[in-house]
Amino acid sequence: MTGGVARSGEFELIARYLAPLSAAAPLAFGLTDDAALLAPGPGEQVVLTKDCMVSGVHFLDADGPEVIARKLLRTNLSDLAAMGAVPRGYLLGLVLPRNVDEAWIAGFAAGLARDQAEFGVALLGGDTTATSGPTVLSLTALGTAADGRVLRRSGARPGDLLYVSGTIGDAVLALHLKLGKIFGVAPDMRAALNDRLDLPSPRVGLGARLVGIASAALDVSDGLVQDVGHMALASGVAIEIRAADVPLSAAAAELVGDGPALFVDCLSGGDDYELAFTAPADRATDVTAAASASGVPVTCIGRVTAGQGVIVRDRQGGVVELARTGYRHF
């Protein structure tokens, strides 16, 4: 892991804070070489994904280094979950302000260490450099899939059912709170929503169990409607979402009840990092079993039809007009 954060003791900082994160990956050579090795088992293929986070766009400096680090890792693991891959390790790119202090780096490394232990991954290498601009964080996650058996966006077929894991909308409501767009929210409700924005739960266990069951899958990062639209486009089908069946947390349901217009934001807001997937109707029992085994609730929220695009329907079957689609973080 090489580079040049413009401060004294760069390599000492790498040895102190980052090299320990590679301890579980002996082929990373303690981050002392130019690259690392990854040795998949027989019949396995490597699955790679990369994501970036920029201060003021994807996170606020006030969020703290430990939370920022954990979100960076988790959002990438969510991409692996969407492919049904087993996470193995990651590469890290840090573009840090020249005046960053060592306490920030220590907190960042502590956050990574905490989630490495939870998700069974290790740091394999990367790069560090300095900037006079905002903090930029980049992470490439690596996973494996047996014999290349992965979930794709392009397999949905008419007659399939549409499912989503967990709940939808907490993250965008938390963002509204942070930006002062919602007021008068009880502290416990605010904490619950913020936790979903700051520390999403990558559904790696569920994703792996859906291989061979789901016909198409992706993670919900840019908003439920927009991401299901990506699936519909890749599969060459239309997908109907039953708005009334979209699962909301208790906190989100209470807020939406006070302001129904917020429900549109729940459908189109991003950063949920849940899995949206389709499966043949005759595999419904298998979907339920996969959800139970992974400890992640799933909800059937629609169906795949012939045609193109996404249609959101209300309880009476009418089309719900969305005020906006897509997601802008800050």
C-alpha atoms as a PDB file:
ATOM      1  CA  MET A   1       0.000   0.000   0.000  1.00  0.00           C
ATOM      2  CA  THR A   2       1.816   3.076  -1.232  1.00  0.00           C
ATOM      3  CA  GLY A   3       1.154   6.755  -1.727  1.00  0.00           C
ATOM      4  CA  GLY A   4       1.785  10.141  -0.196  1.00  0.00           C
ATOM      5  CA  VAL A   5      -0.397  11.707   2.461  1.00  0.00           C
ATOM      6  CA  ALA A   6       1.548  14.940   2.862  1.00  0.00           C
ATOM      7  CA  ARG A   7       2.510  14.533   6.483  1.00  0.00           C
ATOM      8  CA  SER A   8       5.463  13.051   8.324  1.00  0.00           C
ATOM      9  CA  GLY A   9       5.365   9.398   9.278  1.00  0.00           C
ATOM     10  CA  GLU A  10       3.044   8.187   6.502  1.00  0.00           C
ATOM     11  CA  PHE A  11       4.474   4.685   6.469  1.00  0.00           C
ATOM     12  CA  GLU A  12       4.435   4.592  10.238  1.00  0.00           C
ATOM     13  CA  LEU A  13       0.721   5.448  10.125  1.00  0.00           C
ATOM     14  CA  ILE A  14       0.108   2.655   7.621  1.00  0.00           C
ATOM     15  CA  ALA A  15       2.004   0.201   9.806  1.00  0.00           C
ATOM     16  CA  ARG A  16       0.182   1.349  12.949  1.00  0.00           C
ATOM     17  CA  TYR A  17      -3.416   1.639  11.725  1.00  0.00           C
ATOM     18  CA  LEU A  18      -3.844  -0.113   8.377  1.00  0.00           C
ATOM     19  CA  ALA A  19      -1.469  -3.077   8.360  1.00  0.00           C
ATOM     20  CA  PRO A  20      -3.296  -4.681  11.330  1.00  0.00           C
ATOM     21  CA  LEU A  21      -6.438  -4.700   9.200  1.00  0.00           C
ATOM     22  CA  SER A  22      -4.675  -7.138   6.825  1.00  0.00           C
ATOM     23  CA  ALA A  23      -3.705  -9.638   9.525  1.00  0.00           C
ATOM     24  CA  ALA A  24      -6.417 -12.119   8.515  1.00  0.00           C
ATOM     25  CA  ALA A  25      -5.162 -12.130   4.902  1.00  0.00           C
ATOM     26  CA  PRO A  26      -1.627 -13.587   4.878  1.00  0.00           C
ATOM     27  CA  LEU A  27      -1.382 -13.123   1.111  1.00  0.00           C
ATOM     28  CA  ALA A  28      -1.599  -9.353   1.673  1.00  0.00           C
ATOM     29  CA  PHE A  29       1.948  -9.594   3.105  1.00  0.00           C
ATOM     30  CA  GLY A  30       1.258  -7.094   5.849  1.00  0.00           C
ATOM     31  CA  LEU A  31       0.778  -4.337   3.246  1.00  0.00           C
ATOM     32  CA  THR A  32       4.534  -4.304   2.671  1.00  0.00           C
ATOM     33  CA  ASP A  33       4.524  -5.330  -0.999  1.00  0.00           C
ATOM     34  CA  ASP A  34       3.244  -3.809  -4.254  1.00  0.00           C
ATOM     35  CA  ALA A  35       0.145  -6.013  -4.446  1.00  0.00           C
ATOM     36  CA  ALA A  36      -1.711  -8.795  -2.691  1.00  0.00           C
ATOM     37  CA  LEU A  37      -2.868 -12.221  -3.796  1.00  0.00           C
ATOM     38  CA  LEU A  38      -6.336 -13.723  -3.625  1.00  0.00           C
ATOM     39  CA  ALA A  39      -6.592 -17.478  -4.029  1.00  0.00           C
ATOM     40  CA  PRO A  40     -10.193 -18.585  -4.639  1.00  0.00           C
ATOM     41  CA  GLY A  41     -11.047 -22.188  -4.012  1.00  0.00           C
ATOM     42  CA  PRO A  42     -11.599 -24.704  -6.806  1.00  0.00           C
ATOM     43  CA  GLY A  43     -14.461 -23.734  -9.094  1.00  0.00           C
ATOM     44  CA  GLU A  44     -14.698 -20.182  -7.700  1.00  0.00           C
ATOM     45  CA  GLN A  45     -14.583 -16.865  -9.509  1.00  0.00           C
ATOM     46  CA  VAL A  46     -13.653 -13.466  -8.098  1.00  0.00           C
ATOM     47  CA  VAL A  47     -16.427 -10.824  -7.958  1.00  0.00           C
ATOM     48  CA  LEU A  48     -15.299  -7.190  -7.750  1.00  0.00           C
ATOM     49  CA  THR A  49     -17.114  -3.940  -7.000  1.00  0.00           C
ATOM     50  CA  LYS A  50     -15.937  -0.389  -6.339  1.00  0.00           C
ATOM     51  CA  ASP A  51     -17.579   2.640  -4.768  1.00  0.00           C
ATOM     52  CA  CYS A  52     -16.449   6.125  -3.735  1.00  0.00           C
ATOM     53  CA  MET A  53     -17.628   8.484  -1.017  1.00  0.00           C
ATOM     54  CA  VAL A  54     -16.936  12.212  -0.951  1.00  0.00           C
ATOM     55  CA  SER A  55     -17.258  14.534   2.030  1.00  0.00           C
ATOM     56  CA  GLY A  56     -20.289  16.776   1.662  1.00  0.00           C
ATOM     57  CA  VAL A  57     -21.811  14.489  -0.974  1.00  0.00           C
ATOM     58  CA  HIS A  58     -22.081  11.038   0.602  1.00  0.00           C
ATOM     59  CA  PHE A  59     -21.334  11.852   4.222  1.00  0.00           C
ATOM     60  CA  LEU A  60     -20.916  14.781   6.567  1.00  0.00           C
ATOM     61  CA  ASP A  61     -17.676  15.362   8.461  1.00  0.00           C
ATOM     62  CA  ALA A  62     -19.734  15.517  11.649  1.00  0.00           C
ATOM     63  CA  ASP A  63     -20.655  11.850  11.170  1.00  0.00           C
ATOM     64  CA  GLY A  64     -17.279  10.863  12.650  1.00  0.00           C
ATOM     65  CA  PRO A  65     -14.503   8.682  11.190  1.00  0.00           C
ATOM     66  CA  GLU A  66     -15.646   5.351  12.637  1.00  0.00           C
ATOM     67  CA  VAL A  67     -19.167   5.655  11.219  1.00  0.00           C
ATOM     68  CA  ILE A  68     -17.843   6.918   7.870  1.00  0.00           C
ATOM     69  CA  ALA A  69     -15.464   3.950   7.580  1.00  0.00           C
ATOM     70  CA  ARG A  70     -18.168   1.424   8.374  1.00  0.00           C
ATOM     71  CA  LYS A  71     -20.585   2.923   5.851  1.00  0.00           C
ATOM     72  CA  LEU A  72     -17.882   2.895   3.161  1.00  0.00           C
ATOM     73  CA  LEU A  73     -17.262  -0.804   3.693  1.00  0.00           C
ATOM     74  CA  ARG A  74     -20.923  -1.737   4.077  1.00  0.00           C
ATOM     75  CA  THR A  75     -22.111  -0.013   0.912  1.00  0.00           C
ATOM     76  CA  ASN A  76     -19.589  -1.998  -1.105  1.00  0.00           C
ATOM     77  CA  LEU A  77     -20.481  -5.250   0.627  1.00  0.00           C
ATOM     78  CA  SER A  78     -24.087  -4.528  -0.351  1.00  0.00           C
ATOM     79  CA  ASP A  79     -23.045  -4.706  -4.010  1.00  0.00           C
ATOM     80  CA  LEU A  80     -21.500  -8.112  -3.392  1.00  0.00           C
ATOM     81  CA  ALA A  81     -24.701  -9.189  -1.640  1.00  0.00           C
ATOM     82  CA  ALA A  82     -26.701  -8.153  -4.695  1.00  0.00           C
ATOM     83  CA  MET A  83     -24.579 -10.537  -6.779  1.00  0.00           C
ATOM     84  CA  GLY A  84     -24.899 -13.357  -4.253  1.00  0.00           C
ATOM     85  CA  ALA A  85     -21.129 -13.327  -3.675  1.00  0.00           C
ATOM     86  CA  VAL A  86     -19.278 -14.187  -0.467  1.00  0.00           C
ATOM     87  CA  PRO A  87     -17.115 -11.219   0.684  1.00  0.00           C
ATOM     88  CA  ARG A  88     -13.382 -11.974   0.948  1.00  0.00           C
ATOM     89  CA  GLY A  89     -11.457  -8.691   1.233  1.00  0.00           C
ATOM     90  CA  TYR A  90     -11.086  -5.126   0.016  1.00  0.00           C
ATOM     91  CA  LEU A  91      -8.728  -2.482  -1.350  1.00  0.00           C
ATOM     92  CA  LEU A  92      -8.789   1.007   0.138  1.00  0.00           C
ATOM     93  CA  GLY A  93      -8.060   4.436  -1.339  1.00  0.00           C
ATOM     94  CA  LEU A  94      -7.745   7.396   1.048  1.00  0.00           C
ATOM     95  CA  VAL A  95      -7.521  10.966  -0.275  1.00  0.00           C
ATOM     96  CA  LEU A  96      -7.286  12.954   2.942  1.00  0.00           C
ATOM     97  CA  PRO A  97      -6.964  16.670   3.717  1.00  0.00           C
ATOM     98  CA  ARG A  98      -3.380  17.695   4.449  1.00  0.00           C
ATOM     99  CA  ASN A  99      -4.314  18.735   7.969  1.00  0.00           C
ATOM    100  CA  VAL A 100      -6.050  15.482   8.934  1.00  0.00           C
ATOM    101  CA  ASP A 101      -5.013  14.469  12.429  1.00  0.00           C
ATOM    102  CA  GLU A 102      -3.963  11.060  13.599  1.00  0.00           C
ATOM    103  CA  ALA A 103      -7.011  10.673  15.833  1.00  0.00           C
ATOM    104  CA  TRP A 104      -9.240  10.756  12.719  1.00  0.00           C
ATOM    105  CA  ILE A 105      -7.143   8.019  11.075  1.00  0.00           C
ATOM    106  CA  ALA A 106      -7.242   5.948  14.265  1.00  0.00           C
ATOM    107  CA  GLY A 107     -11.029   6.246  14.444  1.00  0.00           C
ATOM    108  CA  PHE A 108     -11.392   5.356  10.779  1.00  0.00           C
ATOM    109  CA  ALA A 109      -9.236   2.238  11.206  1.00  0.00           C
ATOM    110  CA  ALA A 110     -11.199   1.250  14.321  1.00  0.00           C
ATOM    111  CA  GLY A 111     -14.439   1.414  12.342  1.00  0.00           C
ATOM    112  CA  LEU A 112     -13.026  -0.809   9.617  1.00  0.00           C
ATOM    113  CA  ALA A 113     -11.703  -3.273  12.178  1.00  0.00           C
ATOM    114  CA  ARG A 114     -15.104  -3.524  13.823  1.00  0.00           C
ATOM    115  CA  ASP A 115     -16.891  -4.383  10.587  1.00  0.00           C
ATOM    116  CA  GLN A 116     -14.103  -6.636   9.324  1.00  0.00           C
ATOM    117  CA  ALA A 117     -14.801  -8.827  12.333  1.00  0.00           C
ATOM    118  CA  GLU A 118     -18.538  -8.820  11.619  1.00  0.00           C
ATOM    119  CA  PHE A 119     -18.354  -9.576   7.903  1.00  0.00           C
ATOM    120  CA  GLY A 120     -15.242 -11.733   7.713  1.00  0.00           C
ATOM    121  CA  VAL A 121     -13.104  -9.588   5.401  1.00  0.00           C
ATOM    122  CA  ALA A 122      -9.603  -8.100   5.558  1.00  0.00           C
ATOM    123  CA  LEU A 123      -7.756  -5.200   4.001  1.00  0.00           C
ATOM    124  CA  LEU A 124      -5.635  -6.363   1.031  1.00  0.00           C
ATOM    125  CA  GLY A 125      -3.965  -3.073   0.060  1.00  0.00           C
ATOM    126  CA  GLY A 126      -4.626   0.297  -1.521  1.00  0.00           C
ATOM    127  CA  ASP A 127      -3.262   3.832  -1.639  1.00  0.00           C
ATOM    128  CA  THR A 128      -3.114   7.030   0.397  1.00  0.00           C
ATOM    129  CA  THR A 129      -2.600  10.576  -0.792  1.00  0.00           C
ATOM    130  CA  ALA A 130      -3.171  14.156   0.315  1.00  0.00           C
ATOM    131  CA  THR A 131      -5.503  16.840  -0.994  1.00  0.00           C
ATOM    132  CA  SER A 132      -6.320  20.480  -0.451  1.00  0.00           C
ATOM    133  CA  GLY A 133      -9.953  19.612  -1.205  1.00  0.00           C
ATOM    134  CA  PRO A 134     -12.569  17.428   0.486  1.00  0.00           C
ATOM    135  CA  THR A 135     -12.008  13.940   1.822  1.00  0.00           C
ATOM    136  CA  VAL A 136     -12.436  11.283  -0.884  1.00  0.00           C
ATOM    137  CA  LEU A 137     -12.706   7.635   0.095  1.00  0.00           C
ATOM    138  CA  SER A 138     -12.615   4.740  -2.358  1.00  0.00           C
ATOM    139  CA  LEU A 139     -13.082   1.058  -1.652  1.00  0.00           C
ATOM    140  CA  THR A 140     -12.957  -1.968  -3.922  1.00  0.00           C
ATOM    141  CA  ALA A 141     -14.576  -5.047  -2.424  1.00  0.00           C
ATOM    142  CA  LEU A 142     -13.714  -8.542  -3.600  1.00  0.00           C
ATOM    143  CA  GLY A 143     -15.871 -11.610  -3.205  1.00  0.00           C
ATOM    144  CA  THR A 144     -16.147 -15.075  -4.653  1.00  0.00           C
ATOM    145  CA  ALA A 145     -18.924 -17.010  -6.315  1.00  0.00           C
ATOM    146  CA  ALA A 146     -18.982 -20.753  -6.941  1.00  0.00           C
ATOM    147  CA  ASP A 147     -18.571 -21.577 -10.624  1.00  0.00           C
ATOM    148  CA  GLY A 148     -19.558 -18.024 -11.541  1.00  0.00           C
ATOM    149  CA  ARG A 149     -23.095 -18.513 -10.228  1.00  0.00           C
ATOM    150  CA  VAL A 150     -24.125 -14.951  -9.447  1.00  0.00           C
ATOM    151  CA  LEU A 151     -27.301 -12.912  -9.317  1.00  0.00           C
ATOM    152  CA  ARG A 152     -27.767 -10.499 -12.215  1.00  0.00           C
ATOM    153  CA  ARG A 153     -30.149  -7.634 -12.955  1.00  0.00           C
ATOM    154  CA  SER A 154     -31.172  -9.115 -16.272  1.00  0.00           C
ATOM    155  CA  GLY A 155     -33.063 -12.316 -15.434  1.00  0.00           C
ATOM    156  CA  ALA A 156     -36.558 -11.081 -14.490  1.00  0.00           C
ATOM    157  CA  ARG A 157     -39.364 -12.639 -16.555  1.00  0.00           C
ATOM    158  CA  PRO A 158     -43.126 -11.966 -16.814  1.00  0.00           C
ATOM    159  CA  GLY A 159     -44.928 -13.825 -14.058  1.00  0.00           C
ATOM    160  CA  ASP A 160     -42.085 -13.439 -11.541  1.00  0.00           C
ATOM    161  CA  LEU A 161     -42.793 -11.823  -8.184  1.00  0.00           C
ATOM    162  CA  LEU A 162     -40.917  -8.762  -6.920  1.00  0.00           C
ATOM    163  CA  TYR A 163     -39.511  -8.785  -3.391  1.00  0.00           C
ATOM    164  CA  VAL A 164     -37.560  -6.391  -1.201  1.00  0.00           C
ATOM    165  CA  SER A 165     -35.638  -7.097   1.979  1.00  0.00           C
ATOM    166  CA  GLY A 166     -35.922  -5.161   5.236  1.00  0.00           C
ATOM    167  CA  THR A 167     -37.622  -1.770   5.126  1.00  0.00           C
ATOM    168  CA  ILE A 168     -37.524   1.129   2.686  1.00  0.00           C
ATOM    169  CA  GLY A 169     -37.286   4.881   3.245  1.00  0.00           C
ATOM    170  CA  ASP A 170     -35.493   5.208   6.585  1.00  0.00           C
ATOM    171  CA  ALA A 171     -32.323   6.650   5.060  1.00  0.00           C
ATOM    172  CA  VAL A 172     -33.969   9.434   3.083  1.00  0.00           C
ATOM    173  CA  LEU A 173     -36.058  10.429   6.099  1.00  0.00           C
ATOM    174  CA  ALA A 174     -32.883  10.532   8.212  1.00  0.00           C
ATOM    175  CA  LEU A 175     -31.295  12.749   5.579  1.00  0.00           C
ATOM    176  CA  HIS A 176     -34.286  15.099   5.767  1.00  0.00           C
ATOM    177  CA  LEU A 177     -33.700  15.295   9.515  1.00  0.00           C
ATOM    178  CA  LYS A 178     -30.008  16.071   9.096  1.00  0.00           C
ATOM    179  CA  LEU A 179     -30.764  18.794   6.581  1.00  0.00           C
ATOM    180  CA  GLY A 180     -33.489  20.339   8.751  1.00  0.00           C
ATOM    181  CA  LYS A 181     -36.385  19.462   6.431  1.00  0.00           C
ATOM    182  CA  ILE A 182     -38.318  17.590   9.154  1.00  0.00           C
ATOM    183  CA  PHE A 183     -38.805  18.863  12.697  1.00  0.00           C
ATOM    184  CA  GLY A 184     -40.324  17.716  15.972  1.00  0.00           C
ATOM    185  CA  VAL A 185     -39.159  14.097  15.777  1.00  0.00           C
ATOM    186  CA  ALA A 186     -38.701  12.193  19.038  1.00  0.00           C
ATOM    187  CA  PRO A 187     -35.064  11.363  19.923  1.00  0.00           C
ATOM    188  CA  ASP A 188     -35.573   7.587  19.787  1.00  0.00           C
ATOM    189  CA  MET A 189     -37.172   7.838  16.346  1.00  0.00           C
ATOM    190  CA  ARG A 190     -34.408  10.136  15.124  1.00  0.00           C
ATOM    191  CA  ALA A 191     -31.770   7.694  16.403  1.00  0.00           C
ATOM    192  CA  ALA A 192     -33.424   4.741  14.670  1.00  0.00           C
ATOM    193  CA  LEU A 193     -33.583   6.548  11.334  1.00  0.00           C
ATOM    194  CA  ASN A 194     -30.024   7.889  11.605  1.00  0.00           C
ATOM    195  CA  ASP A 195     -28.723   4.405  12.306  1.00  0.00           C
ATOM    196  CA  ARG A 196     -30.222   3.170   9.045  1.00  0.00           C
ATOM    197  CA  LEU A 197     -28.600   6.020   7.087  1.00  0.00           C
ATOM    198  CA  ASP A 198     -25.202   5.880   8.754  1.00  0.00           C
ATOM    199  CA  LEU A 199     -24.847   2.109   9.166  1.00  0.00           C
ATOM    200  CA  PRO A 200     -26.757   0.210   6.466  1.00  0.00           C
ATOM    201  CA  SER A 201     -26.913  -3.575   6.745  1.00  0.00           C
ATOM    202  CA  PRO A 202     -25.488  -5.320   3.677  1.00  0.00           C
ATOM    203  CA  ARG A 203     -27.617  -8.413   3.112  1.00  0.00           C
ATOM    204  CA  VAL A 204     -24.724 -10.747   2.316  1.00  0.00           C
ATOM    205  CA  GLY A 205     -26.281 -13.790   3.962  1.00  0.00           C
ATOM    206  CA  LEU A 206     -29.563 -13.382   2.112  1.00  0.00           C
ATOM    207  CA  GLY A 207     -27.879 -12.656  -1.215  1.00  0.00           C
ATOM    208  CA  ALA A 208     -25.825 -15.843  -1.111  1.00  0.00           C
ATOM    209  CA  ARG A 209     -28.908 -17.907  -0.289  1.00  0.00           C
ATOM    210  CA  LEU A 210     -30.879 -16.424  -3.189  1.00  0.00           C
ATOM    211  CA  VAL A 211     -28.467 -17.787  -5.800  1.00  0.00           C
ATOM    212  CA  GLY A 212     -30.423 -20.364  -7.792  1.00  0.00           C
ATOM    213  CA  ILE A 213     -33.740 -18.975  -6.507  1.00  0.00           C
ATOM    214  CA  ALA A 214     -33.901 -15.327  -7.579  1.00  0.00           C
ATOM    215  CA  SER A 215     -34.149 -14.576 -11.279  1.00  0.00           C
ATOM    216  CA  ALA A 216     -32.758 -11.039 -10.926  1.00  0.00           C
ATOM    217  CA  ALA A 217     -31.438  -8.886  -8.091  1.00  0.00           C
ATOM    218  CA  LEU A 218     -29.767  -5.594  -7.191  1.00  0.00           C
ATOM    219  CA  ASP A 219     -29.252  -3.465  -4.121  1.00  0.00           C
ATOM    220  CA  VAL A 220     -31.393  -0.388  -3.500  1.00  0.00           C
ATOM    221  CA  SER A 221     -28.912   2.481  -3.371  1.00  0.00           C
ATOM    222  CA  ASP A 222     -30.433   5.128  -5.670  1.00  0.00           C
ATOM    223  CA  GLY A 223     -34.070   4.645  -4.659  1.00  0.00           C
ATOM    224  CA  LEU A 224     -36.496   1.733  -4.904  1.00  0.00           C
ATOM    225  CA  VAL A 225     -38.341   2.918  -8.005  1.00  0.00           C
ATOM    226  CA  GLN A 226     -35.220   3.943  -9.886  1.00  0.00           C
ATOM    227  CA  ASP A 227     -33.313   0.765  -9.060  1.00  0.00           C
ATOM    228  CA  VAL A 228     -36.242  -1.499  -9.938  1.00  0.00           C
ATOM    229  CA  GLY A 229     -36.306   0.473 -13.168  1.00  0.00           C
ATOM    230  CA  HIS A 230     -32.707  -0.570 -13.807  1.00  0.00           C
ATOM    231  CA  MET A 231     -33.769  -4.178 -13.340  1.00  0.00           C
ATOM    232  CA  ALA A 232     -36.732  -3.780 -15.675  1.00  0.00           C
ATOM    233  CA  LEU A 233     -34.523  -2.221 -18.353  1.00  0.00           C
ATOM    234  CA  ALA A 234     -31.819  -4.883 -18.073  1.00  0.00           C
ATOM    235  CA  SER A 235     -34.427  -7.656 -18.208  1.00  0.00           C
ATOM    236  CA  GLY A 236     -36.553  -6.144 -20.994  1.00  0.00           C
ATOM    237  CA  VAL A 237     -39.739  -6.278 -18.915  1.00  0.00           C
ATOM    238  CA  ALA A 238     -42.156  -4.074 -16.987  1.00  0.00           C
ATOM    239  CA  ILE A 239     -42.367  -4.269 -13.208  1.00  0.00           C
ATOM    240  CA  GLU A 240     -45.339  -3.206 -11.103  1.00  0.00           C
ATOM    241  CA  ILE A 241     -44.828  -2.079  -7.499  1.00  0.00           C
ATOM    242  CA  ARG A 242     -47.742  -2.167  -5.076  1.00  0.00           C
ATOM    243  CA  ALA A 243     -47.104   0.961  -3.036  1.00  0.00           C
ATOM    244  CA  ALA A 244     -49.214  -0.201  -0.094  1.00  0.00           C
ATOM    245  CA  ASP A 245     -47.055  -3.322   0.295  1.00  0.00           C
ATOM    246  CA  VAL A 246     -43.692  -1.533   0.445  1.00  0.00           C
ATOM    247  CA  PRO A 247     -42.420  -2.256   3.981  1.00  0.00           C
ATOM    248  CA  LEU A 248     -41.756   0.690   6.285  1.00  0.00           C
ATOM    249  CA  SER A 249     -40.138   0.714   9.704  1.00  0.00           C
ATOM    250  CA  ALA A 250     -42.187   1.836  12.674  1.00  0.00           C
ATOM    251  CA  ALA A 251     -40.400   5.201  12.672  1.00  0.00           C
ATOM    252  CA  ALA A 252     -40.921   5.739   8.939  1.00  0.00           C
ATOM    253  CA  ALA A 253     -44.586   4.694   9.127  1.00  0.00           C
ATOM    254  CA  GLU A 254     -45.216   7.235  11.877  1.00  0.00           C
ATOM    255  CA  LEU A 255     -43.620  10.048   9.898  1.00  0.00           C
ATOM    256  CA  VAL A 256     -45.399   9.086   6.685  1.00  0.00           C
ATOM    257  CA  GLY A 257     -48.677   9.005   8.593  1.00  0.00           C
ATOM    258  CA  ASP A 258     -48.107  12.602   9.669  1.00  0.00           C
ATOM    259  CA  GLY A 259     -47.093  13.701   6.162  1.00  0.00           C
ATOM    260  CA  PRO A 260     -48.224  11.401   3.335  1.00  0.00           C
ATOM    261  CA  ALA A 261     -46.107  13.315   0.810  1.00  0.00           C
ATOM    262  CA  LEU A 262     -43.068  11.835   2.540  1.00  0.00           C
ATOM    263  CA  PHE A 263     -44.081   8.418   1.224  1.00  0.00           C
ATOM    264  CA  VAL A 264     -43.039   9.527  -2.259  1.00  0.00           C
ATOM    265  CA  ASP A 265     -39.593  10.238  -0.858  1.00  0.00           C
ATOM    266  CA  CYS A 266     -39.490   6.764   0.675  1.00  0.00           C
ATOM    267  CA  LEU A 267     -40.138   5.246  -2.743  1.00  0.00           C
ATOM    268  CA  SER A 268     -37.621   7.380  -4.591  1.00  0.00           C
ATOM    269  CA  GLY A 269     -35.013   8.168  -1.937  1.00  0.00           C
ATOM    270  CA  GLY A 270     -31.771   6.216  -1.796  1.00  0.00           C
ATOM    271  CA  ASP A 271     -29.241   4.746   0.624  1.00  0.00           C
ATOM    272  CA  ASP A 272     -31.494   1.902   1.789  1.00  0.00           C
ATOM    273  CA  TYR A 273     -29.012  -0.804   0.722  1.00  0.00           C
ATOM    274  CA  GLU A 274     -31.701  -3.442   0.811  1.00  0.00           C
ATOM    275  CA  LEU A 275     -31.998  -6.137  -1.849  1.00  0.00           C
ATOM    276  CA  ALA A 276     -34.716  -5.920  -4.486  1.00  0.00           C
ATOM    277  CA  PHE A 277     -35.123  -9.162  -6.376  1.00  0.00           C
ATOM    278  CA  THR A 278     -37.485 -11.190  -8.505  1.00  0.00           C
ATOM    279  CA  ALA A 279     -38.251 -14.890  -8.356  1.00  0.00           C
ATOM    280  CA  PRO A 280     -40.662 -17.237 -10.136  1.00  0.00           C
ATOM    281  CA  ALA A 281     -43.985 -17.507  -8.338  1.00  0.00           C
ATOM    282  CA  ASP A 282     -43.445 -21.226  -7.738  1.00  0.00           C
ATOM    283  CA  ARG A 283     -40.248 -20.440  -5.757  1.00  0.00           C
ATOM    284  CA  ALA A 284     -42.080 -18.403  -3.105  1.00  0.00           C
ATOM    285  CA  THR A 285     -41.512 -21.090  -0.468  1.00  0.00           C
ATOM    286  CA  ASP A 286     -37.794 -21.107  -1.266  1.00  0.00           C
ATOM    287  CA  VAL A 287     -37.660 -17.320  -0.909  1.00  0.00           C
ATOM    288  CA  THR A 288     -39.299 -17.590   2.495  1.00  0.00           C
ATOM    289  CA  ALA A 289     -36.800 -20.259   3.539  1.00  0.00           C
ATOM    290  CA  ALA A 290     -33.833 -18.153   2.393  1.00  0.00           C
ATOM    291  CA  ALA A 291     -35.147 -15.164   4.320  1.00  0.00           C
ATOM    292  CA  SER A 292     -35.671 -17.241   7.453  1.00  0.00           C
ATOM    293  CA  ALA A 293     -32.216 -18.818   7.254  1.00  0.00           C
ATOM    294  CA  SER A 294     -30.533 -15.427   6.858  1.00  0.00           C
ATOM    295  CA  GLY A 295     -32.629 -13.718   9.527  1.00  0.00           C
ATOM    296  CA  VAL A 296     -33.664 -10.970   7.096  1.00  0.00           C
ATOM    297  CA  PRO A 297     -37.372 -10.302   6.454  1.00  0.00           C
ATOM    298  CA  VAL A 298     -38.498 -10.068   2.841  1.00  0.00           C
ATOM    299  CA  THR A 299     -41.764  -8.705   1.459  1.00  0.00           C
ATOM    300  CA  CYS A 300     -43.454  -9.358  -1.869  1.00  0.00           C
ATOM    301  CA  ILE A 301     -44.231  -5.908  -3.267  1.00  0.00           C
ATOM    302  CA  GLY A 302     -45.139  -6.489  -6.908  1.00  0.00           C
ATOM    303  CA  ARG A 303     -44.821  -8.526 -10.052  1.00  0.00           C
ATOM    304  CA  VAL A 304     -43.115  -8.644 -13.414  1.00  0.00           C
ATOM    305  CA  THR A 305     -45.194  -8.189 -16.578  1.00  0.00           C
ATOM    306  CA  ALA A 306     -44.601  -7.808 -20.282  1.00  0.00           C
ATOM    307  CA  GLY A 307     -43.729  -4.305 -21.384  1.00  0.00           C
ATOM    308  CA  GLN A 308     -41.169  -1.842 -20.133  1.00  0.00           C
ATOM    309  CA  GLY A 309     -40.495   0.467 -17.201  1.00  0.00           C
ATOM    310  CA  VAL A 310     -41.860   0.644 -13.665  1.00  0.00           C
ATOM    311  CA  ILE A 311     -45.453   1.263 -12.654  1.00  0.00           C
ATOM    312  CA  VAL A 312     -46.308   2.121  -9.038  1.00  0.00           C
ATOM    313  CA  ARG A 313     -49.919   1.352  -8.138  1.00  0.00           C
ATOM    314  CA  ASP A 314     -52.034   2.391  -5.140  1.00  0.00           C
ATOM    315  CA  ARG A 315     -54.523   0.185  -3.287  1.00  0.00           C
ATOM    316  CA  GLN A 316     -57.197   0.765  -5.937  1.00  0.00           C
ATOM    317  CA  GLY A 317     -54.845  -0.136  -8.776  1.00  0.00           C
ATOM    318  CA  GLY A 318     -54.360   3.457  -9.905  1.00  0.00           C
ATOM    319  CA  VAL A 319     -50.969   4.750 -10.970  1.00  0.00           C
ATOM    320  CA  VAL A 320     -49.023   6.702  -8.347  1.00  0.00           C
ATOM    321  CA  GLU A 321     -47.377   9.766  -9.853  1.00  0.00           C
ATOM    322  CA  LEU A 322     -43.985  10.310  -8.288  1.00  0.00           C
ATOM    323  CA  ALA A 323     -42.844  13.880  -7.747  1.00  0.00           C
ATOM    324  CA  ARG A 324     -39.267  12.900  -8.482  1.00  0.00           C
ATOM    325  CA  THR A 325     -37.076   9.929  -9.205  1.00  0.00           C
ATOM    326  CA  GLY A 326     -33.437   9.375  -8.515  1.00  0.00           C
ATOM    327  CA  TYR A 327     -31.445  10.423  -5.500  1.00  0.00           C
ATOM    328  CA  ARG A 328     -29.163  13.323  -4.656  1.00  0.00           C
ATOM    329  CA  HIS A 329     -27.300  12.759  -1.407  1.00  0.00           C
ATOM    330  CA  PHE A 330     -26.552  16.285  -0.102  1.00  0.00           C
END
